[in-house]
N, C-alpha and C. Protein backbone atom coordinates (compact mmCIF):
# COMPACT_ATOMS: atom_id res chain seq x y z
N UNK A 1 -0.50 -21.04 16.60
CA UNK A 1 -1.71 -20.22 16.76
C UNK A 1 -1.38 -18.78 16.43
N UNK A 2 -2.21 -18.16 15.63
CA UNK A 2 -2.02 -16.76 15.24
C UNK A 2 -2.18 -15.87 16.47
N UNK A 3 -1.32 -14.88 16.57
CA UNK A 3 -1.35 -13.96 17.70
C UNK A 3 -2.56 -13.04 17.58
N UNK A 4 -3.45 -13.12 18.57
CA UNK A 4 -4.64 -12.29 18.55
C UNK A 4 -4.28 -10.82 18.75
N UNK A 5 -3.28 -10.56 19.57
CA UNK A 5 -2.85 -9.18 19.79
C UNK A 5 -2.33 -8.54 18.50
N UNK A 6 -1.55 -9.32 17.75
CA UNK A 6 -1.04 -8.81 16.48
C UNK A 6 -2.19 -8.56 15.50
N UNK A 7 -3.12 -9.50 15.40
CA UNK A 7 -4.25 -9.34 14.49
C UNK A 7 -5.11 -8.13 14.86
N UNK A 8 -5.32 -7.91 16.13
CA UNK A 8 -6.10 -6.75 16.57
C UNK A 8 -5.35 -5.46 16.28
N UNK A 9 -4.05 -5.44 16.56
CA UNK A 9 -3.24 -4.25 16.28
C UNK A 9 -3.25 -3.90 14.80
N UNK A 10 -3.06 -4.91 13.96
CA UNK A 10 -3.04 -4.69 12.52
C UNK A 10 -4.43 -4.27 12.04
N UNK A 11 -5.47 -4.84 12.60
CA UNK A 11 -6.83 -4.45 12.24
C UNK A 11 -7.07 -2.98 12.54
N UNK A 12 -6.64 -2.52 13.71
CA UNK A 12 -6.82 -1.12 14.09
C UNK A 12 -6.04 -0.20 13.13
N UNK A 13 -4.80 -0.57 12.83
CA UNK A 13 -4.00 0.23 11.89
C UNK A 13 -4.67 0.28 10.51
N UNK A 14 -5.14 -0.86 10.03
CA UNK A 14 -5.80 -0.91 8.73
C UNK A 14 -7.09 -0.09 8.72
N UNK A 15 -7.82 -0.13 9.82
CA UNK A 15 -9.05 0.64 9.93
C UNK A 15 -8.75 2.14 9.88
N UNK A 16 -7.69 2.56 10.57
CA UNK A 16 -7.29 3.97 10.55
C UNK A 16 -6.86 4.37 9.14
N UNK A 17 -6.06 3.52 8.48
CA UNK A 17 -5.60 3.82 7.12
C UNK A 17 -6.79 3.93 6.16
N UNK A 18 -7.75 3.03 6.30
CA UNK A 18 -8.95 3.07 5.46
C UNK A 18 -9.72 4.37 5.69
N UNK A 19 -9.91 4.73 6.96
CA UNK A 19 -10.62 5.96 7.29
C UNK A 19 -9.93 7.20 6.74
N UNK A 20 -8.61 7.23 6.82
CA UNK A 20 -7.86 8.37 6.28
C UNK A 20 -7.96 8.44 4.76
N UNK A 21 -7.94 7.29 4.11
CA UNK A 21 -8.06 7.27 2.64
C UNK A 21 -9.44 7.74 2.20
N UNK A 22 -10.47 7.33 2.92
CA UNK A 22 -11.83 7.79 2.60
C UNK A 22 -11.95 9.29 2.86
N UNK A 23 -11.37 9.75 3.97
CA UNK A 23 -11.40 11.18 4.27
C UNK A 23 -10.64 11.98 3.21
N UNK A 24 -9.54 11.44 2.72
CA UNK A 24 -8.78 12.12 1.66
C UNK A 24 -9.62 12.25 0.40
N UNK A 25 -10.38 11.21 0.08
CA UNK A 25 -11.25 11.26 -1.10
C UNK A 25 -12.32 12.34 -0.93
N UNK A 26 -12.86 12.45 0.27
CA UNK A 26 -13.92 13.42 0.52
C UNK A 26 -13.39 14.86 0.55
N UNK A 27 -12.13 15.03 0.94
CA UNK A 27 -11.59 16.38 1.14
C UNK A 27 -10.53 16.78 0.12
N UNK A 28 -10.49 16.10 -1.03
CA UNK A 28 -9.47 16.45 -2.01
C UNK A 28 -9.65 17.89 -2.49
N UNK A 29 -8.56 18.48 -2.93
CA UNK A 29 -8.56 19.89 -3.30
C UNK A 29 -9.48 20.17 -4.49
N UNK A 30 -10.09 21.33 -4.44
CA UNK A 30 -10.84 21.84 -5.58
C UNK A 30 -10.26 23.21 -5.90
N UNK A 31 -10.50 23.67 -7.12
CA UNK A 31 -9.95 24.96 -7.53
C UNK A 31 -11.01 25.76 -8.26
N UNK A 32 -10.84 27.06 -8.23
CA UNK A 32 -11.72 27.93 -8.99
C UNK A 32 -10.86 29.01 -9.65
N UNK A 33 -11.37 29.51 -10.76
CA UNK A 33 -10.67 30.55 -11.50
C UNK A 33 -11.10 31.91 -10.94
N UNK A 34 -10.11 32.73 -10.63
CA UNK A 34 -10.36 34.06 -10.08
C UNK A 34 -9.84 35.09 -11.07
N UNK A 35 -10.60 36.15 -11.25
CA UNK A 35 -10.18 37.24 -12.14
C UNK A 35 -9.59 38.36 -11.30
N UNK A 36 -8.39 38.78 -11.64
CA UNK A 36 -7.74 39.91 -10.98
C UNK A 36 -7.85 41.10 -11.94
N UNK A 37 -8.79 42.00 -11.67
CA UNK A 37 -9.06 43.10 -12.60
C UNK A 37 -7.96 44.16 -12.58
N UNK A 38 -7.19 44.25 -11.51
CA UNK A 38 -6.11 45.24 -11.44
C UNK A 38 -4.97 44.88 -12.39
N UNK A 39 -4.65 43.60 -12.47
CA UNK A 39 -3.51 43.17 -13.29
C UNK A 39 -3.97 42.56 -14.61
N UNK A 40 -5.27 42.41 -14.81
CA UNK A 40 -5.85 41.82 -16.02
C UNK A 40 -5.44 40.36 -16.22
N UNK A 41 -5.47 39.58 -15.16
CA UNK A 41 -5.12 38.15 -15.23
C UNK A 41 -6.22 37.30 -14.65
N UNK A 42 -6.29 36.06 -15.15
CA UNK A 42 -7.08 35.00 -14.52
C UNK A 42 -6.09 34.02 -13.90
N UNK A 43 -6.40 33.50 -12.74
CA UNK A 43 -5.53 32.51 -12.12
C UNK A 43 -6.36 31.56 -11.26
N UNK A 44 -5.72 30.48 -10.82
CA UNK A 44 -6.41 29.44 -10.04
C UNK A 44 -6.20 29.66 -8.55
N UNK A 45 -7.26 29.47 -7.78
CA UNK A 45 -7.18 29.51 -6.32
C UNK A 45 -7.65 28.15 -5.81
N UNK A 46 -6.81 27.49 -5.01
CA UNK A 46 -7.11 26.16 -4.48
C UNK A 46 -7.57 26.27 -3.04
N UNK A 47 -8.47 25.36 -2.66
CA UNK A 47 -8.94 25.34 -1.28
C UNK A 47 -8.01 24.47 -0.43
N UNK A 48 -8.48 23.99 0.65
CA UNK A 48 -7.71 23.23 1.64
C UNK A 48 -6.87 22.10 1.02
N UNK A 49 -5.71 21.88 1.60
CA UNK A 49 -4.80 20.85 1.12
C UNK A 49 -4.75 19.68 2.11
N UNK A 50 -5.77 19.52 2.94
CA UNK A 50 -5.77 18.50 3.99
C UNK A 50 -5.77 17.08 3.44
N UNK A 51 -6.31 16.88 2.24
CA UNK A 51 -6.36 15.53 1.66
C UNK A 51 -4.96 14.97 1.45
N UNK A 52 -4.00 15.83 1.17
CA UNK A 52 -2.62 15.37 1.01
C UNK A 52 -2.13 14.76 2.32
N UNK A 53 -2.39 15.42 3.43
CA UNK A 53 -1.97 14.91 4.74
C UNK A 53 -2.68 13.60 5.07
N UNK A 54 -3.96 13.53 4.77
CA UNK A 54 -4.70 12.29 5.01
C UNK A 54 -4.14 11.15 4.17
N UNK A 55 -3.85 11.42 2.91
CA UNK A 55 -3.30 10.39 2.02
C UNK A 55 -1.94 9.91 2.48
N UNK A 56 -1.09 10.83 2.89
CA UNK A 56 0.25 10.45 3.37
C UNK A 56 0.13 9.68 4.68
N UNK A 57 -0.79 10.10 5.54
CA UNK A 57 -1.01 9.37 6.80
C UNK A 57 -1.47 7.94 6.54
N UNK A 58 -2.41 7.77 5.62
CA UNK A 58 -2.89 6.43 5.26
C UNK A 58 -1.75 5.61 4.67
N UNK A 59 -0.92 6.23 3.85
CA UNK A 59 0.24 5.57 3.24
C UNK A 59 1.15 4.97 4.31
N UNK A 60 1.54 5.79 5.29
CA UNK A 60 2.48 5.32 6.32
C UNK A 60 1.84 4.35 7.30
N UNK A 61 0.58 4.53 7.62
CA UNK A 61 -0.08 3.60 8.55
C UNK A 61 -0.27 2.24 7.89
N UNK A 62 -0.63 2.22 6.61
CA UNK A 62 -0.74 0.94 5.91
C UNK A 62 0.63 0.26 5.81
N UNK A 63 1.67 1.06 5.60
CA UNK A 63 3.02 0.51 5.55
C UNK A 63 3.40 -0.12 6.90
N UNK A 64 3.04 0.53 7.99
CA UNK A 64 3.33 -0.02 9.32
C UNK A 64 2.57 -1.32 9.54
N UNK A 65 1.33 -1.37 9.10
CA UNK A 65 0.51 -2.58 9.22
C UNK A 65 1.14 -3.74 8.46
N UNK A 66 1.55 -3.46 7.22
CA UNK A 66 2.17 -4.50 6.39
C UNK A 66 3.49 -4.96 7.02
N UNK A 67 4.25 -4.01 7.54
CA UNK A 67 5.53 -4.35 8.17
C UNK A 67 5.32 -5.26 9.38
N UNK A 68 4.30 -4.99 10.19
CA UNK A 68 4.03 -5.84 11.36
C UNK A 68 3.72 -7.27 10.94
N UNK A 69 2.87 -7.44 9.93
CA UNK A 69 2.52 -8.78 9.47
C UNK A 69 3.75 -9.48 8.90
N UNK A 70 4.54 -8.77 8.12
CA UNK A 70 5.71 -9.39 7.50
C UNK A 70 6.79 -9.73 8.53
N UNK A 71 6.95 -8.89 9.53
CA UNK A 71 7.91 -9.19 10.59
C UNK A 71 7.46 -10.41 11.39
N UNK A 72 6.18 -10.48 11.69
CA UNK A 72 5.67 -11.60 12.47
C UNK A 72 5.78 -12.93 11.71
N UNK A 73 5.65 -12.86 10.38
CA UNK A 73 5.72 -14.09 9.58
C UNK A 73 7.10 -14.28 8.94
N UNK A 74 8.03 -13.43 9.33
CA UNK A 74 9.39 -13.46 8.75
C UNK A 74 9.34 -13.35 7.23
N UNK A 75 8.41 -12.56 6.74
CA UNK A 75 8.21 -12.30 5.31
C UNK A 75 8.09 -13.60 4.51
N UNK A 76 7.63 -14.63 5.14
CA UNK A 76 7.37 -15.94 4.55
C UNK A 76 8.61 -16.66 4.02
N UNK A 77 9.59 -15.91 3.55
CA UNK A 77 10.73 -16.57 2.90
C UNK A 77 11.91 -16.78 3.85
N UNK A 78 11.91 -16.17 5.00
CA UNK A 78 13.00 -16.35 5.95
C UNK A 78 12.55 -17.32 7.05
N UNK A 79 13.46 -17.92 7.69
CA UNK A 79 13.12 -18.86 8.75
C UNK A 79 13.08 -20.29 8.25
N UNK A 80 12.61 -21.18 9.08
CA UNK A 80 12.55 -22.59 8.72
C UNK A 80 11.48 -22.85 7.68
N UNK A 81 11.74 -23.84 6.84
CA UNK A 81 10.79 -24.20 5.79
C UNK A 81 9.54 -24.83 6.40
N UNK A 82 8.43 -24.63 5.73
CA UNK A 82 7.16 -25.20 6.17
C UNK A 82 6.88 -26.46 5.37
N UNK A 83 6.21 -27.42 6.00
CA UNK A 83 5.83 -28.64 5.30
C UNK A 83 4.82 -28.32 4.20
N UNK A 84 4.88 -29.06 3.10
CA UNK A 84 3.92 -28.82 2.01
C UNK A 84 2.52 -29.30 2.40
N UNK A 85 1.77 -28.40 3.01
CA UNK A 85 0.40 -28.71 3.43
C UNK A 85 -0.55 -27.68 2.81
N UNK A 86 -1.82 -27.88 3.04
CA UNK A 86 -2.82 -26.94 2.54
C UNK A 86 -2.63 -25.53 3.05
N UNK A 87 -2.42 -25.34 4.36
CA UNK A 87 -2.22 -23.98 4.86
C UNK A 87 -1.00 -23.28 4.25
N UNK A 88 0.06 -24.05 3.96
CA UNK A 88 1.24 -23.44 3.34
C UNK A 88 0.91 -22.99 1.92
N UNK A 89 0.18 -23.79 1.18
CA UNK A 89 -0.20 -23.41 -0.18
C UNK A 89 -1.05 -22.15 -0.16
N UNK A 90 -2.00 -22.08 0.75
CA UNK A 90 -2.82 -20.87 0.87
C UNK A 90 -1.97 -19.69 1.31
N UNK A 91 -1.03 -19.92 2.19
CA UNK A 91 -0.15 -18.84 2.65
C UNK A 91 0.65 -18.27 1.49
N UNK A 92 1.14 -19.12 0.59
CA UNK A 92 1.90 -18.65 -0.57
C UNK A 92 1.01 -17.78 -1.47
N UNK A 93 -0.17 -18.28 -1.77
CA UNK A 93 -1.10 -17.54 -2.64
C UNK A 93 -1.49 -16.20 -2.00
N UNK A 94 -1.84 -16.24 -0.72
CA UNK A 94 -2.24 -15.02 -0.03
C UNK A 94 -1.08 -14.04 0.14
N UNK A 95 0.13 -14.56 0.30
CA UNK A 95 1.33 -13.71 0.39
C UNK A 95 1.48 -12.88 -0.89
N UNK A 96 1.32 -13.53 -2.03
CA UNK A 96 1.45 -12.84 -3.32
C UNK A 96 0.37 -11.78 -3.47
N UNK A 97 -0.88 -12.15 -3.18
CA UNK A 97 -1.98 -11.19 -3.30
C UNK A 97 -1.86 -10.06 -2.28
N UNK A 98 -1.37 -10.40 -1.09
CA UNK A 98 -1.18 -9.40 -0.05
C UNK A 98 -0.23 -8.31 -0.54
N UNK A 99 0.89 -8.70 -1.13
CA UNK A 99 1.85 -7.72 -1.64
C UNK A 99 1.31 -6.98 -2.85
N UNK A 100 0.59 -7.66 -3.69
CA UNK A 100 0.01 -7.01 -4.88
C UNK A 100 -0.98 -5.92 -4.47
N UNK A 101 -1.91 -6.27 -3.59
CA UNK A 101 -2.89 -5.29 -3.13
C UNK A 101 -2.23 -4.15 -2.36
N UNK A 102 -1.23 -4.49 -1.56
CA UNK A 102 -0.50 -3.48 -0.79
C UNK A 102 0.17 -2.47 -1.73
N UNK A 103 0.85 -2.97 -2.75
CA UNK A 103 1.54 -2.07 -3.68
C UNK A 103 0.56 -1.17 -4.44
N UNK A 104 -0.55 -1.72 -4.87
CA UNK A 104 -1.55 -0.90 -5.58
C UNK A 104 -2.12 0.16 -4.64
N UNK A 105 -2.42 -0.22 -3.40
CA UNK A 105 -2.94 0.75 -2.42
C UNK A 105 -1.93 1.86 -2.18
N UNK A 106 -0.67 1.50 -1.98
CA UNK A 106 0.36 2.50 -1.72
C UNK A 106 0.56 3.43 -2.91
N UNK A 107 0.52 2.88 -4.12
CA UNK A 107 0.68 3.70 -5.32
C UNK A 107 -0.49 4.68 -5.45
N UNK A 108 -1.71 4.21 -5.21
CA UNK A 108 -2.87 5.10 -5.29
C UNK A 108 -2.79 6.21 -4.24
N UNK A 109 -2.44 5.86 -3.02
CA UNK A 109 -2.36 6.85 -1.96
C UNK A 109 -1.25 7.87 -2.21
N UNK A 110 -0.10 7.38 -2.65
CA UNK A 110 1.02 8.28 -2.91
C UNK A 110 0.75 9.17 -4.12
N UNK A 111 0.26 8.58 -5.20
CA UNK A 111 -0.03 9.36 -6.41
C UNK A 111 -1.12 10.39 -6.13
N UNK A 112 -2.15 10.00 -5.39
CA UNK A 112 -3.21 10.95 -5.04
C UNK A 112 -2.69 12.09 -4.18
N UNK A 113 -1.82 11.77 -3.23
CA UNK A 113 -1.27 12.80 -2.35
C UNK A 113 -0.38 13.78 -3.11
N UNK A 114 0.46 13.24 -3.98
CA UNK A 114 1.35 14.10 -4.78
C UNK A 114 0.53 14.99 -5.71
N UNK A 115 -0.44 14.39 -6.38
CA UNK A 115 -1.26 15.15 -7.33
C UNK A 115 -2.12 16.17 -6.61
N UNK A 116 -2.62 15.86 -5.44
CA UNK A 116 -3.44 16.79 -4.67
C UNK A 116 -2.61 17.99 -4.20
N UNK A 117 -1.33 17.76 -3.93
CA UNK A 117 -0.47 18.84 -3.45
C UNK A 117 -0.01 19.76 -4.58
N UNK A 118 -0.16 19.30 -5.83
CA UNK A 118 0.29 20.09 -6.97
C UNK A 118 -0.73 21.18 -7.29
N UNK A 119 -0.28 22.42 -7.32
CA UNK A 119 -1.15 23.54 -7.65
C UNK A 119 -0.53 24.30 -8.82
N UNK A 120 -1.31 24.49 -9.85
CA UNK A 120 -0.80 25.20 -11.02
C UNK A 120 -0.57 26.67 -10.70
N UNK A 121 0.37 27.25 -11.37
CA UNK A 121 0.69 28.66 -11.18
C UNK A 121 0.42 29.46 -12.45
N UNK A 122 -0.38 28.90 -13.35
CA UNK A 122 -0.63 29.55 -14.63
C UNK A 122 -1.48 30.80 -14.46
N UNK A 123 -1.19 31.77 -15.32
CA UNK A 123 -2.01 32.97 -15.42
C UNK A 123 -2.31 33.19 -16.89
N UNK A 124 -3.48 33.71 -17.14
CA UNK A 124 -3.82 34.07 -18.52
C UNK A 124 -4.38 35.48 -18.54
N UNK A 125 -4.21 36.14 -19.64
CA UNK A 125 -4.72 37.50 -19.80
C UNK A 125 -6.22 37.41 -20.08
N UNK A 126 -6.98 38.40 -19.58
CA UNK A 126 -8.42 38.44 -19.83
C UNK A 126 -8.69 38.26 -21.32
N UNK A 127 -9.71 37.52 -21.64
CA UNK A 127 -10.09 37.32 -23.02
C UNK A 127 -9.48 36.07 -23.63
N UNK A 128 -8.37 35.59 -23.07
CA UNK A 128 -7.77 34.35 -23.55
C UNK A 128 -8.49 33.17 -22.90
N UNK A 129 -8.07 31.99 -23.30
CA UNK A 129 -8.64 30.77 -22.70
C UNK A 129 -8.28 30.75 -21.21
N UNK A 130 -9.22 30.39 -20.32
CA UNK A 130 -8.93 30.39 -18.88
C UNK A 130 -7.85 29.36 -18.54
N UNK A 131 -7.14 29.56 -17.42
CA UNK A 131 -6.08 28.62 -17.05
C UNK A 131 -6.64 27.26 -16.66
N UNK A 132 -5.79 26.25 -16.76
CA UNK A 132 -6.18 24.91 -16.37
C UNK A 132 -5.90 24.72 -14.88
N UNK A 133 -6.93 24.62 -14.10
CA UNK A 133 -6.79 24.42 -12.65
C UNK A 133 -6.83 22.92 -12.37
N UNK A 134 -5.69 22.29 -12.44
CA UNK A 134 -5.63 20.84 -12.32
C UNK A 134 -5.76 20.40 -10.87
N UNK A 135 -6.55 19.34 -10.66
CA UNK A 135 -6.72 18.74 -9.34
C UNK A 135 -6.66 17.22 -9.50
N UNK A 136 -6.57 16.53 -8.37
CA UNK A 136 -6.54 15.07 -8.40
C UNK A 136 -7.90 14.56 -8.88
N UNK A 137 -7.87 13.53 -9.71
CA UNK A 137 -9.11 12.96 -10.24
C UNK A 137 -9.94 12.32 -9.14
N UNK A 138 -11.23 12.42 -9.30
CA UNK A 138 -12.13 11.79 -8.34
C UNK A 138 -11.94 10.28 -8.41
N UNK A 139 -11.78 9.64 -7.26
CA UNK A 139 -11.67 8.20 -7.20
C UNK A 139 -10.27 7.67 -6.96
N UNK A 140 -9.25 8.52 -7.04
CA UNK A 140 -7.88 8.03 -6.81
C UNK A 140 -7.72 7.59 -5.35
N UNK A 141 -8.12 8.45 -4.43
CA UNK A 141 -8.05 8.07 -3.02
C UNK A 141 -9.07 6.97 -2.70
N UNK A 142 -10.20 6.98 -3.41
CA UNK A 142 -11.20 5.93 -3.23
C UNK A 142 -10.67 4.57 -3.63
N UNK A 143 -9.92 4.53 -4.74
CA UNK A 143 -9.29 3.27 -5.15
C UNK A 143 -8.26 2.85 -4.12
N UNK A 144 -7.52 3.82 -3.60
CA UNK A 144 -6.56 3.51 -2.54
C UNK A 144 -7.25 2.92 -1.32
N UNK A 145 -8.40 3.50 -0.95
CA UNK A 145 -9.16 2.98 0.20
C UNK A 145 -9.65 1.57 -0.06
N UNK A 146 -10.12 1.30 -1.27
CA UNK A 146 -10.58 -0.05 -1.61
C UNK A 146 -9.44 -1.06 -1.51
N UNK A 147 -8.27 -0.69 -1.99
CA UNK A 147 -7.15 -1.61 -1.91
C UNK A 147 -6.58 -1.71 -0.50
N UNK A 148 -6.75 -0.67 0.31
CA UNK A 148 -6.40 -0.78 1.74
C UNK A 148 -7.27 -1.85 2.37
N UNK A 149 -8.55 -1.83 2.05
CA UNK A 149 -9.49 -2.82 2.60
C UNK A 149 -9.12 -4.23 2.13
N UNK A 150 -8.83 -4.39 0.84
CA UNK A 150 -8.41 -5.70 0.33
C UNK A 150 -7.12 -6.17 0.99
N UNK A 151 -6.18 -5.25 1.14
CA UNK A 151 -4.92 -5.60 1.81
C UNK A 151 -5.18 -6.04 3.23
N UNK A 152 -6.06 -5.32 3.92
CA UNK A 152 -6.38 -5.65 5.31
C UNK A 152 -6.94 -7.06 5.43
N UNK A 153 -7.82 -7.42 4.54
CA UNK A 153 -8.43 -8.76 4.59
C UNK A 153 -7.40 -9.84 4.26
N UNK A 154 -6.67 -9.63 3.17
CA UNK A 154 -5.76 -10.66 2.70
C UNK A 154 -4.56 -10.83 3.63
N UNK A 155 -4.03 -9.73 4.20
CA UNK A 155 -2.86 -9.92 5.05
C UNK A 155 -3.21 -10.64 6.36
N UNK A 156 -4.43 -10.48 6.84
CA UNK A 156 -4.83 -11.23 8.03
C UNK A 156 -5.02 -12.72 7.70
N UNK A 157 -5.66 -13.00 6.56
CA UNK A 157 -5.81 -14.40 6.14
C UNK A 157 -4.45 -15.04 5.90
N UNK A 158 -3.54 -14.28 5.29
CA UNK A 158 -2.18 -14.79 5.07
C UNK A 158 -1.52 -15.16 6.39
N UNK A 159 -1.60 -14.26 7.36
CA UNK A 159 -0.95 -14.51 8.64
C UNK A 159 -1.56 -15.72 9.35
N UNK A 160 -2.86 -15.87 9.28
CA UNK A 160 -3.53 -17.02 9.91
C UNK A 160 -3.08 -18.32 9.23
N UNK A 161 -3.05 -18.32 7.89
CA UNK A 161 -2.59 -19.53 7.16
C UNK A 161 -1.13 -19.82 7.45
N UNK A 162 -0.32 -18.79 7.50
CA UNK A 162 1.10 -18.97 7.82
C UNK A 162 1.26 -19.56 9.23
N UNK A 163 0.49 -19.03 10.17
CA UNK A 163 0.57 -19.53 11.55
C UNK A 163 0.14 -20.99 11.63
N UNK A 164 -0.93 -21.34 10.90
CA UNK A 164 -1.38 -22.74 10.89
C UNK A 164 -0.34 -23.64 10.26
N UNK A 165 0.29 -23.17 9.20
CA UNK A 165 1.33 -23.98 8.53
C UNK A 165 2.55 -24.13 9.42
N UNK A 166 2.89 -23.10 10.18
CA UNK A 166 4.06 -23.23 11.03
C UNK A 166 3.79 -24.09 12.26
N UNK A 167 2.55 -24.20 12.67
CA UNK A 167 2.21 -25.12 13.76
C UNK A 167 2.37 -26.58 13.31
N UNK A 168 2.09 -26.83 12.03
CA UNK A 168 2.17 -28.17 11.49
C UNK A 168 3.59 -28.55 11.05
N UNK A 169 4.55 -27.65 11.25
CA UNK A 169 5.93 -27.88 10.83
C UNK A 169 6.55 -28.94 11.75
N UNK A 170 7.25 -29.87 11.14
CA UNK A 170 7.98 -30.88 11.89
C UNK A 170 9.45 -30.65 11.63
N UNK A 171 10.16 -30.23 12.67
CA UNK A 171 11.59 -29.98 12.51
C UNK A 171 12.31 -31.30 12.38
N UNK A 172 13.16 -31.36 11.39
CA UNK A 172 13.91 -32.60 11.15
C UNK A 172 15.25 -32.57 11.82
């Protein structure tokens, strides 16, 4: 039987990670070009950098959630072998998708956080082309949030299938 306490704990962690990823998308840095008339330069001024912290928080909380599920299931590959049953087949498929979605979510969150923290230091002289005020693209944290949600769904289904398969195990 799947541990209800573990499933609830992982659900709460996944919910927090999802909320942080959505908040990071909403609060990602924006920039504006400012003219400094004393020095005759244009430069970029960035607003709040809180989205980086939200993205990193979501990254680590999702990692903790994945670690709990993998520890509870012994990462599927450690421990006693499971009988070839339907739940085991589903557990294998869900295990693969669980890791795939997890990796994509982590890459999106990490890339978005790194890119959001990057602030250009370019200056241009008045009359030249204005500086490029680079910011994270819209949707990077949103994609991370979507994959956090997919990971949350699939890792719980994986754990339930794994638990059902391990209940049906007959030790020889």
